[in-house]
């Protein structure tokens, strides 16, 4: 009697590949990221060690100790955005998520501009993150101050040295991104582990060696002159700059195992863990600072507190943890940006799409996008050589662009929800992350938050953009940059993208679901 042998169940890899094929794309990227590596991608992009060390002094110089409260406020607003992104990550597990989500919700034109704004923002963000080495390396060893003697980012020599160190870092991260996702994931995961250990150690050091109680967060006496609410809004730039990039887990969906389940969780976890660790580090630093009014906290930031409390080899080790965080942060930003550029190129949505959409057969990486982002990041640093306000200018420009790109997702999503955005075959599994009846209010609040942040961040303030004087174009850097990006984007879209294109995979570019 003949027996029938049941076929083996499909492997997880085959299921993920079939899922990707349902969107019209061939699996050409190497799917090797697990849950921790996916979390690490989002956590390292946020990178509280990098950005808080870089911008603590800026926030304190404007808002005094009470600037601490910008942290939970910004987290609450960004968590609203993250909840929407988590739902979209479960529905559309695709690389270049901001572009892919937006075009499926708002149409091809809206999606293209969301992707365009995000690509530009990630290039600027990579450059802004790379210059954070200047805040750390000279504090570890004076030999890292290659240009001049003043290490402050707001000085001419400090800004020039930051450009040099940042350019070297971008060369290194570009090389890692070219070699492959395996090496990137290993370096990133190890780096994030070191960063988490470093954050815990720094928090413990600060609380054990505190000089004052937690009531310090109510002090406003060191705030900038003028109405406190105005200074408070400016100081919020620090928190706003830190808590972006949590969508990176979505950007790497096509390299993540079981992305419909993993990416939503890691998006929310990366932001939440970053908010908790960052908040404790801010509170601990304010409690442990030797002085609140000698000016050092505003100019030297957390490095001043750390070295004053642990001026020993152990202190250097902790600063080394910060340097590692800066490196993996820059690496993660560049990786996310290259996947977004690849995703748009394979749909024929960028100039030189065939080359940008190609994946190296051995490394399984989009090589040219990584190289382009690295070169443009270095060029951006060189253009700003001699600008003592480089850190504020780059940070404001990049986060305004990021928040606009996020709005090009949350606004179309809200419109779709109001029109009855319901279940489809793509979300038939009830166990996948969904906001359900809370979708509309959460989405609406996320849109209001995003609009308010764009206005606040783009507002031309002389104390932010031209602290040592400068031309009118520096004062209006953020809105002028956004207008320039939109204008160039309109030209590119008109002459390169408007004609129907065929995806690099050989499949027709699919219309929004």
Protein backbone atom coordinates (compact mmCIF):
# COMPACT_ATOMS: atom_id res chain seq x y z
CA UNK A 1 0.00 0.00 0.00
CA UNK A 2 1.47 3.32 -1.05
CA UNK A 3 2.06 5.89 1.64
CA UNK A 4 1.87 9.60 1.19
CA UNK A 5 4.60 11.65 2.79
CA UNK A 6 3.52 15.12 3.78
CA UNK A 7 5.76 17.87 2.42
CA UNK A 8 7.90 19.61 5.03
CA UNK A 9 6.45 22.85 6.38
CA UNK A 10 7.85 25.95 4.70
CA UNK A 11 10.82 27.49 6.46
CA UNK A 12 10.60 30.91 8.04
CA UNK A 13 12.90 32.23 5.32
CA UNK A 14 10.59 30.94 2.59
CA UNK A 15 7.57 32.45 4.31
CA UNK A 16 9.30 35.84 4.54
CA UNK A 17 10.34 35.62 0.88
CA UNK A 18 6.81 34.76 -0.20
CA UNK A 19 5.52 37.66 1.90
CA UNK A 20 7.91 40.01 0.12
CA UNK A 21 6.94 38.60 -3.27
CA UNK A 22 3.31 39.50 -2.56
CA UNK A 23 4.39 43.15 -2.77
CA UNK A 24 6.05 42.57 -6.15
CA UNK A 25 9.71 42.40 -5.04
CA UNK A 26 12.33 39.67 -5.27
CA UNK A 27 14.32 38.92 -2.08
CA UNK A 28 17.78 40.22 -3.01
CA UNK A 29 18.90 41.48 0.40
CA UNK A 30 20.25 38.97 2.94
CA UNK A 31 17.67 38.31 5.67
CA UNK A 32 19.88 37.78 8.72
CA UNK A 33 18.71 40.16 11.44
CA UNK A 34 17.12 38.73 14.57
CA UNK A 35 15.15 40.54 17.23
CA UNK A 36 18.12 41.99 19.11
CA UNK A 37 19.83 43.16 15.93
CA UNK A 38 16.59 44.83 14.84
CA UNK A 39 16.27 46.53 18.23
CA UNK A 40 19.94 47.56 18.02
CA UNK A 41 19.32 49.29 14.68
CA UNK A 42 16.65 51.55 16.17
CA UNK A 43 18.43 52.07 19.50
CA UNK A 44 21.73 52.99 17.87
CA UNK A 45 20.01 55.51 15.54
CA UNK A 46 18.43 57.21 18.57
CA UNK A 47 21.73 56.74 20.46
CA UNK A 48 21.19 58.60 23.70
CA UNK A 49 24.89 58.58 24.54
CA UNK A 50 25.77 60.24 21.23
CA UNK A 51 23.10 62.88 21.14
CA UNK A 52 22.77 63.71 24.82
CA UNK A 53 26.53 64.13 25.12
CA UNK A 54 26.42 66.29 22.01
CA UNK A 55 23.46 68.47 22.98
CA UNK A 56 23.18 68.49 26.77
CA UNK A 57 25.12 71.74 27.01
CA UNK A 58 22.92 73.33 24.36
CA UNK A 59 19.71 72.40 26.18
CA UNK A 60 21.02 73.52 29.56
CA UNK A 61 22.33 76.83 28.22
CA UNK A 62 18.81 77.81 27.16
CA UNK A 63 16.46 76.17 29.64
CA UNK A 64 18.58 75.72 32.74
CA UNK A 65 18.01 72.60 34.82
CA UNK A 66 14.26 72.68 34.13
CA UNK A 67 14.97 71.85 30.48
CA UNK A 68 14.76 68.27 31.78
CA UNK A 69 10.98 68.43 31.26
CA UNK A 70 11.37 68.72 27.51
CA UNK A 71 12.48 65.09 27.60
CA UNK A 72 9.22 63.43 28.75
CA UNK A 73 7.19 65.84 26.63
CA UNK A 74 9.07 64.97 23.44
CA UNK A 75 8.96 61.25 24.30
CA UNK A 76 5.17 61.37 24.69
CA UNK A 77 4.77 63.05 21.31
CA UNK A 78 7.19 60.75 19.53
CA UNK A 79 5.62 57.66 21.09
CA UNK A 80 2.35 58.63 19.42
CA UNK A 81 4.18 58.63 16.09
CA UNK A 82 5.90 55.33 16.92
CA UNK A 83 2.57 53.64 17.64
CA UNK A 84 1.39 54.49 14.13
CA UNK A 85 4.69 53.34 12.65
CA UNK A 86 4.47 50.05 14.53
CA UNK A 87 1.08 49.34 12.98
CA UNK A 88 2.42 50.17 9.51
CA UNK A 89 5.50 47.98 10.06
CA UNK A 90 3.19 45.01 10.65
CA UNK A 91 1.22 45.78 7.49
CA UNK A 92 4.05 46.74 5.11
CA UNK A 93 7.33 44.97 6.05
CA UNK A 94 9.43 46.65 3.35
CA UNK A 95 12.82 48.34 3.18
CA UNK A 96 12.65 52.11 2.83
CA UNK A 97 9.61 52.11 5.08
CA UNK A 98 8.88 55.85 5.18
CA UNK A 99 8.70 55.95 1.38
CA UNK A 100 6.83 52.65 1.11
CA UNK A 101 4.28 53.48 3.80
CA UNK A 102 3.62 56.97 2.50
CA UNK A 103 3.11 55.98 -1.13
CA UNK A 104 0.69 53.22 -0.19
CA UNK A 105 -1.29 55.62 1.95
CA UNK A 106 -1.10 58.90 0.04
CA UNK A 107 -0.21 57.91 -3.51
CA UNK A 108 2.97 57.84 -5.58
CA UNK A 109 3.68 61.59 -5.50
CA UNK A 110 3.26 61.94 -1.72
CA UNK A 111 5.31 58.80 -1.17
CA UNK A 112 8.10 60.03 -3.39
CA UNK A 113 8.41 63.34 -1.57
CA UNK A 114 8.35 61.55 1.80
CA UNK A 115 11.19 59.34 0.62
CA UNK A 116 13.08 62.27 -0.87
CA UNK A 117 12.83 64.31 2.33
CA UNK A 118 13.86 61.30 4.40
CA UNK A 119 16.90 60.48 2.25
CA UNK A 120 18.14 64.05 2.48
CA UNK A 121 17.44 64.13 6.22
CA UNK A 122 19.39 60.92 6.79
CA UNK A 123 22.38 62.26 4.89
CA UNK A 124 22.38 65.38 7.07
CA UNK A 125 21.75 63.32 10.20
CA UNK A 126 24.72 61.07 9.45
CA UNK A 127 26.94 64.15 9.16
CA UNK A 128 25.50 65.67 12.35
CA UNK A 129 26.03 62.43 14.29
CA UNK A 130 29.60 62.04 13.05
CA UNK A 131 30.70 65.40 14.43
CA UNK A 132 29.70 64.24 17.92
CA UNK A 133 33.11 62.58 18.11
CA UNK A 134 34.45 66.06 18.84
CA UNK A 135 32.54 66.13 22.12
CA UNK A 136 34.19 62.90 23.29
CA UNK A 137 37.56 62.04 21.75
CA UNK A 138 39.52 65.17 22.80
CA UNK A 139 38.24 64.59 26.36
CA UNK A 140 39.76 61.10 26.25
CA UNK A 141 43.10 62.17 24.78
CA UNK A 142 44.29 65.63 23.76
CA UNK A 143 45.94 64.15 20.68
CA UNK A 144 42.53 63.85 19.06
CA UNK A 145 42.39 67.66 18.92
CA UNK A 146 44.31 67.84 15.65
CA UNK A 147 43.17 71.33 14.63
CA UNK A 148 43.83 74.15 17.12
CA UNK A 149 43.43 73.91 20.87
CA UNK A 150 39.83 74.89 21.71
CA UNK A 151 37.76 71.69 21.80
CA UNK A 152 34.32 73.36 22.09
CA UNK A 153 32.05 72.69 19.11
CA UNK A 154 31.06 76.34 19.14
CA UNK A 155 34.66 77.49 18.55
CA UNK A 156 36.31 77.77 15.13
CA UNK A 157 39.03 75.20 15.87
CA UNK A 158 36.58 72.83 17.58
CA UNK A 159 34.21 72.96 14.61
CA UNK A 160 37.10 72.38 12.16
CA UNK A 161 38.38 69.41 14.16
CA UNK A 162 34.84 68.03 14.30
CA UNK A 163 34.72 68.09 10.49
CA UNK A 164 37.99 66.16 10.28
CA UNK A 165 37.01 63.50 12.82
CA UNK A 166 33.51 63.19 11.35
CA UNK A 167 34.85 62.71 7.83
CA UNK A 168 37.16 59.91 8.98
CA UNK A 169 34.25 58.20 10.75
CA UNK A 170 32.04 58.41 7.63
CA UNK A 171 34.77 56.71 5.60
CA UNK A 172 34.86 53.86 8.12
CA UNK A 173 31.07 53.43 8.29
CA UNK A 174 30.81 53.49 4.49
CA UNK A 175 33.34 50.65 4.29
CA UNK A 176 31.41 48.58 6.85
CA UNK A 177 28.13 49.16 5.02
CA UNK A 178 29.65 48.05 1.74
CA UNK A 179 31.06 44.81 3.15
CA UNK A 180 27.71 43.45 4.28
CA UNK A 181 24.78 43.30 6.70
CA UNK A 182 26.50 40.54 8.74
CA UNK A 183 29.43 42.75 9.69
CA UNK A 184 27.20 45.78 10.19
CA UNK A 185 24.82 43.83 12.46
CA UNK A 186 27.65 42.38 14.55
CA UNK A 187 29.35 45.73 15.01
CA UNK A 188 26.05 47.44 15.72
CA UNK A 189 24.87 44.82 18.22
CA UNK A 190 28.20 44.83 20.07
CA UNK A 191 28.24 48.63 20.02
CA UNK A 192 24.68 48.87 21.37
CA UNK A 193 25.51 46.42 24.14
CA UNK A 194 28.52 48.55 25.09
CA UNK A 195 26.32 51.66 24.94
CA UNK A 196 23.66 50.16 27.22
CA UNK A 197 26.33 49.07 29.73
CA UNK A 198 27.87 52.53 29.50
CA UNK A 199 24.52 54.26 30.07
CA UNK A 200 23.83 52.10 33.14
CA UNK A 201 27.33 52.77 34.53
CA UNK A 202 27.09 56.53 33.95
CA UNK A 203 23.64 56.70 35.56
CA UNK A 204 24.94 54.78 38.59
CA UNK A 205 27.99 57.01 38.84
CA UNK A 206 25.89 60.17 38.74
CA UNK A 207 23.36 59.04 41.35
CA UNK A 208 25.98 57.70 43.75
CA UNK A 209 27.93 60.98 43.53
CA UNK A 210 24.99 63.40 43.54
CA UNK A 211 25.46 66.93 44.88
CA UNK A 212 21.78 67.84 45.15
CA UNK A 213 18.33 66.29 45.11
CA UNK A 214 15.93 65.65 42.19
CA UNK A 215 14.24 69.00 42.88
CA UNK A 216 16.97 70.51 40.72
CA UNK A 217 14.75 69.93 37.69
CA UNK A 218 12.56 72.80 38.89
CA UNK A 219 15.39 75.36 38.72
CA UNK A 220 15.19 77.96 35.96
CA UNK A 221 17.76 80.45 37.26
CA UNK A 222 20.38 79.47 34.67
CA UNK A 223 18.01 79.86 31.71
CA UNK A 224 18.68 82.26 28.86
CA UNK A 225 17.37 85.83 29.29
CA UNK A 226 13.81 86.57 28.27
CA UNK A 227 10.49 84.77 28.78
CA UNK A 228 11.13 81.29 30.12
CA UNK A 229 8.65 79.65 27.77
CA UNK A 230 10.71 80.86 24.80
CA UNK A 231 13.94 79.51 26.27
CA UNK A 232 12.17 76.23 27.12
CA UNK A 233 11.02 75.79 23.51
CA UNK A 234 14.57 76.28 22.24
CA UNK A 235 16.01 73.86 24.80
CA UNK A 236 13.60 71.23 23.48
CA UNK A 237 15.77 71.00 20.38
CA UNK A 238 17.97 68.56 22.27
CA UNK A 239 15.23 66.05 23.04
CA UNK A 240 13.71 66.50 19.58
CA UNK A 241 17.04 65.69 17.96
CA UNK A 242 17.61 62.62 20.13
CA UNK A 243 14.28 60.86 19.74
CA UNK A 244 14.18 60.27 15.99
CA UNK A 245 15.20 57.28 13.90
CA UNK A 246 13.26 54.68 15.87
CA UNK A 247 11.76 53.67 12.51
CA UNK A 248 15.11 52.12 11.52
CA UNK A 249 13.79 48.67 12.40
CA UNK A 250 11.24 49.22 9.63
CA UNK A 251 13.92 50.40 7.20
CA UNK A 252 15.66 47.02 7.60
CA UNK A 253 12.48 44.92 7.32
CA UNK A 254 13.69 42.97 4.29
CA UNK A 255 16.81 41.93 6.20
CA UNK A 256 14.88 41.00 9.37
CA UNK A 257 13.49 37.56 10.15
CA UNK A 258 9.71 37.57 10.67
CA UNK A 259 9.54 41.37 10.26
CA UNK A 260 5.76 41.68 10.64
CA UNK A 261 6.11 40.71 14.30
CA UNK A 262 9.65 41.80 15.10
CA UNK A 263 9.75 45.31 13.60
CA UNK A 264 6.69 46.75 15.44
CA UNK A 265 8.02 45.58 18.80
CA UNK A 266 11.54 46.83 18.21
CA UNK A 267 10.31 50.24 17.01
CA UNK A 268 8.45 50.77 20.29
CA UNK A 269 11.12 49.14 22.44
CA UNK A 270 13.99 51.14 20.96
CA UNK A 271 12.21 54.44 21.65
CA UNK A 272 11.01 53.45 25.13
CA UNK A 273 14.36 52.10 26.34
CA UNK A 274 16.09 55.19 24.95
CA UNK A 275 13.63 57.48 26.73
CA UNK A 276 14.05 55.72 30.07
CA UNK A 277 17.84 55.60 29.94
CA UNK A 278 18.15 59.14 28.63
CA UNK A 279 15.80 60.57 31.24
CA UNK A 280 17.71 58.95 34.09
CA UNK A 281 21.00 60.15 32.64
CA UNK A 282 19.74 63.75 32.38
CA UNK A 283 18.42 63.69 35.93
CA UNK A 284 21.61 62.11 37.28
CA UNK A 285 23.83 64.65 35.50
CA UNK A 286 21.88 67.60 36.91
CA UNK A 287 22.06 66.12 40.40
CA UNK A 288 25.78 65.29 40.16
CA UNK A 289 27.15 68.40 38.41
CA UNK A 290 29.79 70.09 40.60
CA UNK A 291 28.20 73.46 39.84
CA UNK A 292 25.14 74.71 38.03
CA UNK A 293 26.30 78.27 37.59
CA UNK A 294 30.01 78.26 36.69
CA UNK A 295 29.25 78.03 32.96
CA UNK A 296 30.98 74.67 32.48
CA UNK A 297 27.74 72.67 32.33
CA UNK A 298 26.50 74.78 29.41
CA UNK A 299 29.78 74.66 27.46
CA UNK A 300 31.17 71.19 28.23
CA UNK A 301 27.95 69.30 28.98
CA UNK A 302 28.00 65.73 30.26
CA UNK A 303 31.71 65.30 29.64
CA UNK A 304 32.31 67.95 32.32
CA UNK A 305 30.18 66.07 34.87
CA UNK A 306 31.66 62.69 34.03
CA UNK A 307 35.31 63.71 34.16
CA UNK A 308 34.81 65.72 37.35
CA UNK A 309 33.28 62.72 39.10
CA UNK A 310 35.59 60.10 37.69
CA UNK A 311 38.84 61.67 36.54
CA UNK A 312 40.58 58.33 36.27
CA UNK A 313 41.15 55.51 33.78
CA UNK A 314 37.62 54.28 34.53
CA UNK A 315 36.28 57.67 33.47
CA UNK A 316 38.17 57.38 30.19
CA UNK A 317 36.60 53.95 29.67
CA UNK A 318 33.12 55.42 30.06
CA UNK A 319 33.98 58.16 27.60
CA UNK A 320 35.18 55.40 25.32
CA UNK A 321 31.68 53.89 25.55
CA UNK A 322 30.33 57.20 24.33
CA UNK A 323 32.76 57.18 21.39
CA UNK A 324 31.57 53.67 20.48
CA UNK A 325 27.97 54.91 20.63
CA UNK A 326 28.79 57.75 18.24
CA UNK A 327 30.34 55.30 15.79
CA UNK A 328 27.45 52.81 15.78
CA UNK A 329 24.94 55.68 15.64
CA UNK A 330 26.54 57.00 12.46
CA UNK A 331 26.71 53.47 11.10
CA UNK A 332 23.01 52.82 11.77
CA UNK A 333 21.93 56.11 10.20
CA UNK A 334 23.92 55.40 7.07
CA UNK A 335 22.57 51.85 6.87
CA UNK A 336 18.96 53.02 7.16
CA UNK A 337 19.54 55.74 4.58
CA UNK A 338 21.11 53.35 2.09
CA UNK A 339 18.13 50.96 2.37
CA UNK A 340 15.71 53.81 1.77
CA UNK A 341 17.68 54.97 -1.26
CA UNK A 342 17.79 51.38 -2.56
CA UNK A 343 14.04 50.96 -2.05
CA UNK A 344 13.23 54.08 -4.05
CA UNK A 345 15.75 53.25 -6.77
CA UNK A 346 14.42 49.75 -7.43
CA UNK A 347 11.05 51.41 -8.16
CA UNK A 348 12.80 53.75 -10.60
CA UNK A 349 12.18 56.76 -8.38
CA UNK A 350 15.68 58.25 -8.29
CA UNK A 351 18.27 59.40 -10.84
CA UNK A 352 20.66 56.57 -11.76
CA UNK A 353 18.04 54.17 -10.43
CA UNK A 354 19.54 51.06 -12.05
CA UNK A 355 22.89 51.61 -10.35
CA UNK A 356 21.43 52.68 -6.99
CA UNK A 357 19.01 49.76 -6.99
CA UNK A 358 21.70 47.15 -7.61
CA UNK A 359 22.71 44.74 -4.83
CA UNK A 360 26.19 43.26 -4.63
CA UNK A 361 25.84 39.51 -5.36
CA UNK A 362 28.32 38.48 -2.66
CA UNK A 363 27.82 41.04 0.08
CA UNK A 364 24.05 41.34 -0.38
CA UNK A 365 24.20 45.10 0.14
CA UNK A 366 23.24 48.12 -1.97
CA UNK A 367 26.82 49.36 -2.34
CA UNK A 368 26.35 52.60 -4.27
CA UNK A 369 23.73 54.11 -1.90
CA UNK A 370 26.10 53.62 1.05
CA UNK A 371 28.94 55.30 -0.87
CA UNK A 372 26.73 58.19 -1.99
CA UNK A 373 25.50 58.88 1.55
CA UNK A 374 29.06 58.76 2.90
CA UNK A 375 30.42 61.14 0.26
CA UNK A 376 27.53 63.58 0.57
CA UNK A 377 27.84 63.55 4.37
CA UNK A 378 31.53 64.44 4.11
CA UNK A 379 30.76 67.14 1.53
CA UNK A 380 28.19 68.62 3.88
CA UNK A 381 30.74 68.79 6.68
CA UNK A 382 33.32 70.42 4.42
CA UNK A 383 30.82 73.04 3.24
CA UNK A 384 30.21 73.96 6.89
CA UNK A 385 33.93 74.22 7.66
CA UNK A 386 34.50 77.40 9.67
CA UNK A 387 30.88 77.59 10.84
CA UNK A 388 31.05 77.71 14.64
CA UNK A 389 27.30 76.99 14.80
CA UNK A 390 27.68 73.84 12.72
CA UNK A 391 26.18 71.54 15.35
CA UNK A 392 23.01 73.64 15.81
CA UNK A 393 22.63 74.28 12.09
CA UNK A 394 23.00 70.65 11.01
CA UNK A 395 20.86 69.34 13.86
CA UNK A 396 18.00 71.76 13.23
CA UNK A 397 18.05 71.18 9.49
CA UNK A 398 18.05 67.40 9.74
CA UNK A 399 15.35 67.09 12.39
CA UNK A 400 13.03 69.49 10.58
CA UNK A 401 13.41 67.32 7.47
CA UNK A 402 12.82 64.15 9.50
CA UNK A 403 9.69 65.51 11.15
CA UNK A 404 8.34 66.61 7.75
CA UNK A 405 8.98 63.12 6.35
CA UNK A 406 7.16 61.62 9.33
CA UNK A 407 4.22 63.97 8.70
CA UNK A 408 4.04 62.71 5.11
CA UNK A 409 3.24 59.33 6.67
CA UNK A 410 1.00 60.27 9.59
CA UNK A 411 -1.16 62.78 7.67
CA UNK A 412 -2.08 60.40 4.79
CA UNK A 413 -2.60 57.64 7.36
CA UNK A 414 -5.07 59.81 9.27
CA UNK A 415 -6.93 60.59 6.06
CA UNK A 416 -7.16 56.88 5.28
CA UNK A 417 -8.36 56.10 8.79
CA UNK A 418 -11.10 58.72 8.53
CA UNK A 419 -12.18 57.09 5.26
CA UNK A 420 -12.49 53.70 6.92
CA UNK A 421 -8.99 52.22 6.71
CA UNK A 422 -9.88 48.68 7.79
CA UNK A 423 -8.79 45.11 7.58
CA UNK A 424 -7.31 43.68 4.41
CA UNK A 425 -5.75 40.35 3.60
CA UNK A 426 -2.43 41.86 4.67
CA UNK A 427 -3.56 42.23 8.26
CA UNK A 428 -5.94 39.30 8.59
CA UNK A 429 -3.80 37.92 11.42
CA UNK A 430 -5.34 39.38 14.57
CA UNK A 431 -2.14 38.75 16.52
CA UNK A 432 -0.24 41.41 14.57
CA UNK A 433 0.14 44.84 16.14
CA UNK A 434 -2.91 47.06 15.64
CA UNK A 435 -4.21 50.23 17.28
CA UNK A 436 -7.84 49.28 16.68
CA UNK A 437 -10.36 51.83 17.92
CA UNK A 438 -7.55 54.01 19.28
CA UNK A 439 -6.14 54.51 15.79
CA UNK A 440 -7.87 57.79 14.92
CA UNK A 441 -7.21 59.69 18.19
CA UNK A 442 -3.60 58.46 18.42
CA UNK A 443 -3.01 59.33 14.78
CA UNK A 444 -4.64 62.78 15.08
CA UNK A 445 -2.52 63.66 18.12
CA UNK A 446 0.61 62.48 16.28
CA UNK A 447 -0.18 64.85 13.40
CA UNK A 448 -0.77 67.82 15.73
CA UNK A 449 2.47 67.04 17.52
CA UNK A 450 4.43 66.79 14.28
CA UNK A 451 3.15 70.13 12.95
CA UNK A 452 3.95 71.89 16.23
CA UNK A 453 7.48 70.48 16.29
CA UNK A 454 8.22 71.48 12.70
CA UNK A 455 7.18 75.07 13.46
CA UNK A 456 9.22 75.21 16.66
CA UNK A 457 12.34 73.66 15.16
CA UNK A 458 12.35 75.69 11.94
CA UNK A 459 11.75 79.04 13.65
CA UNK A 460 14.70 81.36 12.88
CA UNK A 461 16.42 82.23 16.14
CA UNK A 462 19.68 84.18 16.14
CA UNK A 463 20.84 82.58 19.39
CA UNK A 464 20.61 79.15 17.73
CA UNK A 465 21.76 79.71 14.16
CA UNK A 466 24.04 82.75 14.45
CA UNK A 467 25.35 82.81 18.05
CA UNK A 468 28.54 84.54 16.92
CA UNK A 469 26.99 86.53 14.09
CA UNK A 470 26.49 85.50 10.50
CA UNK A 471 24.55 86.06 7.32
CA UNK A 472 20.78 86.02 7.01
CA UNK A 473 20.96 82.72 5.17
CA UNK A 474 22.37 81.07 8.32
CA UNK A 475 19.55 82.50 10.42
CA UNK A 476 16.96 81.07 8.02
CA UNK A 477 18.93 77.85 7.42
CA UNK A 478 16.16 75.40 8.33
CA UNK A 479 13.24 76.83 6.27
CA UNK A 480 15.57 77.70 3.37
CA UNK A 481 16.97 74.18 3.37
CA UNK A 482 13.49 72.66 3.36
CA UNK A 483 12.42 74.92 0.48
CA UNK A 484 15.58 74.08 -1.47
CA UNK A 485 15.08 70.34 -0.93
CA UNK A 486 11.44 70.61 -2.02
CA UNK A 487 12.38 72.65 -5.12
CA UNK A 488 15.13 70.27 -6.18
CA UNK A 489 12.81 67.38 -5.43
CA UNK A 490 10.12 68.86 -7.66
CA UNK A 491 12.61 69.15 -10.52
CA UNK A 492 13.87 65.61 -10.06
CA UNK A 493 10.34 64.26 -9.84
CA UNK A 494 9.26 66.16 -12.95
CA UNK A 495 12.09 65.07 -15.21
CA UNK A 496 13.16 61.73 -13.76
CA UNK A 497 10.26 60.14 -11.92
CA UNK A 498 7.09 61.29 -13.65
CA UNK A 499 7.40 58.83 -16.53
CA UNK A 500 6.27 55.28 -15.71
CA UNK A 501 9.15 53.14 -14.50
CA UNK A 502 9.80 49.48 -14.08
CA UNK A 503 11.13 48.21 -10.77
CA UNK A 504 14.70 46.92 -10.74
CA UNK A 505 13.37 43.50 -9.78
CA UNK A 506 11.79 43.16 -13.19
CA UNK A 507 8.29 43.54 -11.75
CA UNK A 508 6.08 46.52 -12.53
CA UNK A 509 6.07 49.08 -9.77
CA UNK A 510 3.01 48.25 -7.71
CA UNK A 511 0.34 50.78 -6.94
CA UNK A 512 -0.51 51.66 -3.34
CA UNK A 513 -2.68 49.10 -1.63
